[in-house]
C-alpha cells in the first residue's frame, strides 16, 4: 500500500494548518484501510482473524465457512474453507519443507519432512533424529513406495508385495522386513 502522507509537511517553523490537516487525514485513511484488511483483531491482542470477525483461535484464516464447526483441540492456526482447503509449505528444490514437533525438554523431537530430492520426491517421518517411515517415488512391481524402520538392523527397509493370498481375489501378501 503506497502512502499519501507528505513527509515534507509541515516544514520546521512553517506548520501550516492545511498541511497538518492533509497529513492527519492521509494517516487516518491509511489506518482505516489497514483495519479493513485485518478483520477480527481482538482488542486484547490474543486472536487475529483474516476474513472473519470472530476467530476460533489464535490465528484464523477464513476463506469461506466449513459449516457448523469450531476448532477445539488444535486452535492456534485454523485454515477454513467451504471446499478444499490447505496450507502450502514451499521451499527451494535443494531444501526441506517440514513440520516440526517439540517441547521444552526436546525442541525438535519429531518431524514430517518433504523434499524434492533431485526429482524423486519423498515424504519422511522422523522421531528422535531417526527416520521411521518414508514414502518415495521408487515403486515398481512387487515394491511399494513405503519404507519402514527395521529396529533389528537399524535401517530403512522397503515394504514389498508378494504373491496373491488365498483370502480372495485382488489380495496380496504384504511383506514387512523383520
C-alpha atoms as a PDB file:
ATOM      1  CA  UNK A   1       0.000   0.000   0.000  1.00  0.00           C
ATOM      2  CA  UNK A   2       1.556   3.301  -1.021  1.00  0.00           C
ATOM      3  CA  UNK A   3       1.358   6.203   1.386  1.00  0.00           C
ATOM      4  CA  UNK A   4      -0.200   9.563   0.607  1.00  0.00           C
ATOM      5  CA  UNK A   5       1.441  11.182   3.633  1.00  0.00           C
ATOM      6  CA  UNK A   6       3.683  14.066   2.521  1.00  0.00           C
ATOM      7  CA  UNK A   7       6.888  13.881   4.552  1.00  0.00           C
ATOM      8  CA  UNK A   8       7.744  17.487   3.602  1.00  0.00           C
ATOM      9  CA  UNK A   9       4.738  18.795   5.580  1.00  0.00           C
ATOM     10  CA  UNK A  10       4.919  20.588   7.910  1.00  0.00           C
ATOM     11  CA  UNK A  11       8.308  22.188   7.496  1.00  0.00           C
ATOM     12  CA  UNK A  12      10.177  23.348  10.564  1.00  0.00           C
ATOM     13  CA  UNK A  13       8.884  26.753  11.567  1.00  0.00           C
ATOM     14  CA  UNK A  14       6.111  26.688   8.925  1.00  0.00           C
ATOM     15  CA  UNK A  15       3.394  24.442  10.298  1.00  0.00           C
ATOM     16  CA  UNK A  16       0.522  25.402   8.037  1.00  0.00           C
ATOM     17  CA  UNK A  17      -2.814  24.206   9.359  1.00  0.00           C
ATOM     18  CA  UNK A  18      -3.885  22.957   5.914  1.00  0.00           C
ATOM     19  CA  UNK A  19      -0.744  20.819   5.589  1.00  0.00           C
ATOM     20  CA  UNK A  20      -1.151  19.341   9.079  1.00  0.00           C
ATOM     21  CA  UNK A  21      -4.809  18.556   8.355  1.00  0.00           C
ATOM     22  CA  UNK A  22      -3.932  16.940   4.996  1.00  0.00           C
ATOM     23  CA  UNK A  23      -1.319  14.703   6.637  1.00  0.00           C
ATOM     24  CA  UNK A  24      -3.647  13.834   9.514  1.00  0.00           C
ATOM     25  CA  UNK A  25      -6.412  12.887   7.059  1.00  0.00           C
ATOM     26  CA  UNK A  26      -3.984  10.796   4.972  1.00  0.00           C
ATOM     27  CA  UNK A  27      -2.773   8.946   8.094  1.00  0.00           C
ATOM     28  CA  UNK A  28      -6.375   8.386   9.265  1.00  0.00           C
ATOM     29  CA  UNK A  29      -7.348   6.959   5.855  1.00  0.00           C
ATOM     30  CA  UNK A  30      -4.344   4.598   5.853  1.00  0.00           C
ATOM     31  CA  UNK A  31      -5.177   3.330   9.346  1.00  0.00           C
ATOM     32  CA  UNK A  32      -8.800   2.722   8.335  1.00  0.00           C
ATOM     33  CA  UNK A  33      -7.644   0.858   5.196  1.00  0.00           C
ATOM     34  CA  UNK A  34      -5.423  -1.402   7.311  1.00  0.00           C
ATOM     35  CA  UNK A  35      -8.306  -2.066   9.701  1.00  0.00           C
ATOM     36  CA  UNK A  36     -10.412  -3.240   6.753  1.00  0.00           C
ATOM     37  CA  UNK A  37      -7.629  -5.582   5.608  1.00  0.00           C
ATOM     38  CA  UNK A  38      -7.157  -7.172   9.047  1.00  0.00           C
ATOM     39  CA  UNK A  39     -10.570  -8.022  10.450  1.00  0.00           C
ATOM     40  CA  UNK A  40     -11.287  -9.872  13.641  1.00  0.00           C
ATOM     41  CA  UNK A  41      -8.404  -8.431  15.658  1.00  0.00           C
ATOM     42  CA  UNK A  42      -9.071  -8.936  19.352  1.00  0.00           C
ATOM     43  CA  UNK A  43      -8.511  -5.720  21.315  1.00  0.00           C
ATOM     44  CA  UNK A  44      -6.599  -7.735  23.946  1.00  0.00           C
ATOM     45  CA  UNK A  45      -4.258  -8.899  21.186  1.00  0.00           C
ATOM     46  CA  UNK A  46      -4.926 -12.600  21.752  1.00  0.00           C
ATOM     47  CA  UNK A  47      -6.612 -13.569  18.466  1.00  0.00           C
ATOM     48  CA  UNK A  48      -6.448 -12.499  14.841  1.00  0.00           C
ATOM     49  CA  UNK A  49      -8.965 -13.319  12.144  1.00  0.00           C
ATOM     50  CA  UNK A  50      -8.308 -12.925   8.435  1.00  0.00           C
ATOM     51  CA  UNK A  51     -11.635 -12.957   6.632  1.00  0.00           C
ATOM     52  CA  UNK A  52     -13.601 -13.324   9.873  1.00  0.00           C
ATOM     53  CA  UNK A  53     -14.536 -11.008  12.722  1.00  0.00           C
ATOM     54  CA  UNK A  54     -14.892 -13.895  15.196  1.00  0.00           C
ATOM     55  CA  UNK A  55     -11.762 -16.065  15.021  1.00  0.00           C
ATOM     56  CA  UNK A  56     -11.940 -19.548  16.592  1.00  0.00           C
ATOM     57  CA  UNK A  57      -8.285 -19.491  17.696  1.00  0.00           C
ATOM     58  CA  UNK A  58      -5.055 -17.529  17.838  1.00  0.00           C
ATOM     59  CA  UNK A  59      -4.862 -17.120  14.030  1.00  0.00           C
ATOM     60  CA  UNK A  60      -7.913 -17.994  11.930  1.00  0.00           C
ATOM     61  CA  UNK A  61      -7.641 -17.662   8.147  1.00  0.00           C
ATOM     62  CA  UNK A  62     -11.216 -17.869   6.865  1.00  0.00           C
ATOM     63  CA  UNK A  63     -11.884 -18.088   3.120  1.00  0.00           C
ATOM     64  CA  UNK A  64     -15.423 -19.468   3.479  1.00  0.00           C
ATOM     65  CA  UNK A  65     -17.396 -21.362   6.125  1.00  0.00           C
ATOM     66  CA  UNK A  66     -16.759 -25.097   6.549  1.00  0.00           C
ATOM     67  CA  UNK A  67     -20.156 -25.386   8.249  1.00  0.00           C
ATOM     68  CA  UNK A  68     -21.206 -25.598  11.885  1.00  0.00           C
ATOM     69  CA  UNK A  69     -17.749 -26.449  13.236  1.00  0.00           C
ATOM     70  CA  UNK A  70     -15.398 -24.842  15.734  1.00  0.00           C
ATOM     71  CA  UNK A  71     -11.749 -25.784  16.187  1.00  0.00           C
ATOM     72  CA  UNK A  72     -11.290 -27.116  19.686  1.00  0.00           C
ATOM     73  CA  UNK A  73      -8.297 -29.449  20.012  1.00  0.00           C
ATOM     74  CA  UNK A  74      -5.739 -27.605  17.866  1.00  0.00           C
ATOM     75  CA  UNK A  75      -6.756 -23.966  17.600  1.00  0.00           C
ATOM     76  CA  UNK A  76      -3.531 -22.000  17.319  1.00  0.00           C
ATOM     77  CA  UNK A  77      -3.697 -21.928  13.498  1.00  0.00           C
ATOM     78  CA  UNK A  78      -7.014 -22.513  11.761  1.00  0.00           C
ATOM     79  CA  UNK A  79      -7.392 -22.526   7.978  1.00  0.00           C
ATOM     80  CA  UNK A  80     -11.054 -22.739   6.939  1.00  0.00           C
ATOM     81  CA  UNK A  81     -12.759 -23.036   3.570  1.00  0.00           C
ATOM     82  CA  UNK A  82     -16.100 -24.291   2.265  1.00  0.00           C
ATOM     83  CA  UNK A  83     -14.369 -26.536  -0.295  1.00  0.00           C
ATOM     84  CA  UNK A  84     -10.882 -27.989  -0.347  1.00  0.00           C
ATOM     85  CA  UNK A  85      -8.625 -26.045   1.988  1.00  0.00           C
ATOM     86  CA  UNK A  86      -4.948 -26.277   2.678  1.00  0.00           C
ATOM     87  CA  UNK A  87      -1.634 -24.908   3.779  1.00  0.00           C
ATOM     88  CA  UNK A  88       1.366 -24.776   1.457  1.00  0.00           C
ATOM     89  CA  UNK A  89       4.887 -25.128   2.816  1.00  0.00           C
ATOM     90  CA  UNK A  90       7.153 -24.112  -0.058  1.00  0.00           C
ATOM     91  CA  UNK A  91      10.947 -24.479  -0.192  1.00  0.00           C
ATOM     92  CA  UNK A  92      13.653 -24.466  -2.893  1.00  0.00           C
ATOM     93  CA  UNK A  93      14.428 -27.773  -4.656  1.00  0.00           C
ATOM     94  CA  UNK A  94      17.532 -28.410  -2.538  1.00  0.00           C
ATOM     95  CA  UNK A  95      15.813 -27.784   0.814  1.00  0.00           C
ATOM     96  CA  UNK A  96      13.251 -29.384   3.119  1.00  0.00           C
ATOM     97  CA  UNK A  97       9.664 -28.327   3.671  1.00  0.00           C
ATOM     98  CA  UNK A  98       8.770 -29.568   7.127  1.00  0.00           C
ATOM     99  CA  UNK A  99       6.534 -29.583  10.152  1.00  0.00           C
ATOM    100  CA  UNK A 100       8.406 -29.873  13.444  1.00  0.00           C
ATOM    101  CA  UNK A 101       7.148 -31.021  16.839  1.00  0.00           C
ATOM    102  CA  UNK A 102       8.860 -30.007  20.073  1.00  0.00           C
ATOM    103  CA  UNK A 103       8.594 -29.476  23.811  1.00  0.00           C
ATOM    104  CA  UNK A 104      10.684 -27.726  26.476  1.00  0.00           C
ATOM    105  CA  UNK A 105      12.628 -30.974  27.047  1.00  0.00           C
ATOM    106  CA  UNK A 106      13.297 -31.532  23.341  1.00  0.00           C
ATOM    107  CA  UNK A 107      12.508 -28.657  20.955  1.00  0.00           C
ATOM    108  CA  UNK A 108      12.788 -30.962  17.913  1.00  0.00           C
ATOM    109  CA  UNK A 109      11.654 -34.480  18.847  1.00  0.00           C
ATOM    110  CA  UNK A 110       9.730 -35.276  15.654  1.00  0.00           C
ATOM    111  CA  UNK A 111       9.425 -34.056  12.063  1.00  0.00           C
ATOM    112  CA  UNK A 112       7.380 -34.664   8.975  1.00  0.00           C
ATOM    113  CA  UNK A 113       9.501 -33.556   6.076  1.00  0.00           C
ATOM    114  CA  UNK A 114       9.008 -33.422   2.359  1.00  0.00           C
ATOM    115  CA  UNK A 115      11.737 -32.855  -0.174  1.00  0.00           C
ATOM    116  CA  UNK A 116      12.068 -32.645  -3.932  1.00  0.00           C
ATOM    117  CA  UNK A 117      15.132 -34.915  -3.742  1.00  0.00           C
ATOM    118  CA  UNK A 118      16.518 -34.211  -7.207  1.00  0.00           C
ATOM    119  CA  UNK A 119      13.259 -35.071  -8.979  1.00  0.00           C
ATOM    120  CA  UNK A 120      12.445 -38.104  -6.792  1.00  0.00           C
ATOM    121  CA  UNK A 121      10.116 -36.527  -4.209  1.00  0.00           C
ATOM    122  CA  UNK A 122       9.778 -38.156  -0.817  1.00  0.00           C
ATOM    123  CA  UNK A 123       7.929 -37.720   2.464  1.00  0.00           C
ATOM    124  CA  UNK A 124       9.580 -38.845   5.714  1.00  0.00           C
ATOM    125  CA  UNK A 125       8.512 -39.252   9.324  1.00  0.00           C
ATOM    126  CA  UNK A 126      11.355 -38.740  11.804  1.00  0.00           C
ATOM    127  CA  UNK A 127      11.358 -39.312  15.549  1.00  0.00           C
ATOM    128  CA  UNK A 128      14.345 -38.626  17.825  1.00  0.00           C
ATOM    129  CA  UNK A 129      16.602 -37.775  14.855  1.00  0.00           C
ATOM    130  CA  UNK A 130      15.883 -41.064  13.098  1.00  0.00           C
ATOM    131  CA  UNK A 131      13.757 -41.752  10.015  1.00  0.00           C
ATOM    132  CA  UNK A 132      10.994 -44.201  10.990  1.00  0.00           C
ATOM    133  CA  UNK A 133       8.974 -44.226   7.751  1.00  0.00           C
ATOM    134  CA  UNK A 134       9.461 -42.929   4.212  1.00  0.00           C
ATOM    135  CA  UNK A 135       7.264 -42.695   1.148  1.00  0.00           C
ATOM    136  CA  UNK A 136       9.127 -42.155  -2.102  1.00  0.00           C
ATOM    137  CA  UNK A 137       8.631 -42.347  -5.847  1.00  0.00           C
ATOM    138  CA  UNK A 138      10.698 -45.541  -6.176  1.00  0.00           C
ATOM    139  CA  UNK A 139       7.901 -48.073  -6.517  1.00  0.00           C
ATOM    140  CA  UNK A 140       7.805 -50.902  -9.028  1.00  0.00           C
ATOM    141  CA  UNK A 141       6.188 -54.311  -9.498  1.00  0.00           C
ATOM    142  CA  UNK A 142       6.427 -56.026  -6.110  1.00  0.00           C
ATOM    143  CA  UNK A 143       7.824 -52.950  -4.357  1.00  0.00           C
ATOM    144  CA  UNK A 144       5.763 -50.294  -2.641  1.00  0.00           C
ATOM    145  CA  UNK A 145       6.624 -46.649  -2.180  1.00  0.00           C
ATOM    146  CA  UNK A 146       6.809 -47.273   1.609  1.00  0.00           C
ATOM    147  CA  UNK A 147       9.939 -47.895   3.639  1.00  0.00           C
ATOM    148  CA  UNK A 148       9.793 -48.688   7.372  1.00  0.00           C
ATOM    149  CA  UNK A 149      12.487 -48.582  10.026  1.00  0.00           C
ATOM    150  CA  UNK A 150      13.884 -52.035  10.874  1.00  0.00           C
ATOM    151  CA  UNK A 151      14.763 -51.911  14.574  1.00  0.00           C
ATOM    152  CA  UNK A 152      16.938 -55.044  14.438  1.00  0.00           C
ATOM    153  CA  UNK A 153      19.148 -53.793  11.597  1.00  0.00           C
ATOM    154  CA  UNK A 154      18.768 -50.053  12.302  1.00  0.00           C
ATOM    155  CA  UNK A 155      17.987 -49.362   8.633  1.00  0.00           C
ATOM    156  CA  UNK A 156      15.073 -48.402   6.429  1.00  0.00           C
ATOM    157  CA  UNK A 157      13.695 -51.390   4.521  1.00  0.00           C
ATOM    158  CA  UNK A 158      11.273 -51.283   1.594  1.00  0.00           C
ATOM    159  CA  UNK A 159       7.898 -52.947   2.162  1.00  0.00           C
ATOM    160  CA  UNK A 160       7.266 -55.412  -0.661  1.00  0.00           C
ATOM    161  CA  UNK A 161       4.169 -57.092  -2.038  1.00  0.00           C
ATOM    162  CA  UNK A 162       4.288 -60.834  -2.621  1.00  0.00           C
ATOM    163  CA  UNK A 163       2.153 -63.416  -4.403  1.00  0.00           C
ATOM    164  CA  UNK A 164      -1.620 -63.439  -4.305  1.00  0.00           C
ATOM    165  CA  UNK A 165      -3.121 -64.526  -0.990  1.00  0.00           C
ATOM    166  CA  UNK A 166      -5.714 -67.258  -0.727  1.00  0.00           C
ATOM    167  CA  UNK A 167      -8.019 -64.809   1.049  1.00  0.00           C
ATOM    168  CA  UNK A 168      -9.767 -63.865  -2.190  1.00  0.00           C
ATOM    169  CA  UNK A 169      -9.189 -62.086  -5.452  1.00  0.00           C
ATOM    170  CA  UNK A 170      -7.124 -58.906  -5.630  1.00  0.00           C
ATOM    171  CA  UNK A 171      -5.414 -59.552  -2.282  1.00  0.00           C
ATOM    172  CA  UNK A 172      -1.658 -59.837  -1.979  1.00  0.00           C
ATOM    173  CA  UNK A 173       0.664 -60.649   0.885  1.00  0.00           C
ATOM    174  CA  UNK A 174       2.345 -57.597   2.327  1.00  0.00           C
ATOM    175  CA  UNK A 175       5.913 -58.414   3.364  1.00  0.00           C
ATOM    176  CA  UNK A 176       7.325 -56.225   6.062  1.00  0.00           C
ATOM    177  CA  UNK A 177      11.051 -56.729   6.701  1.00  0.00           C
ATOM    178  CA  UNK A 178      11.973 -58.332  10.004  1.00  0.00           C
END
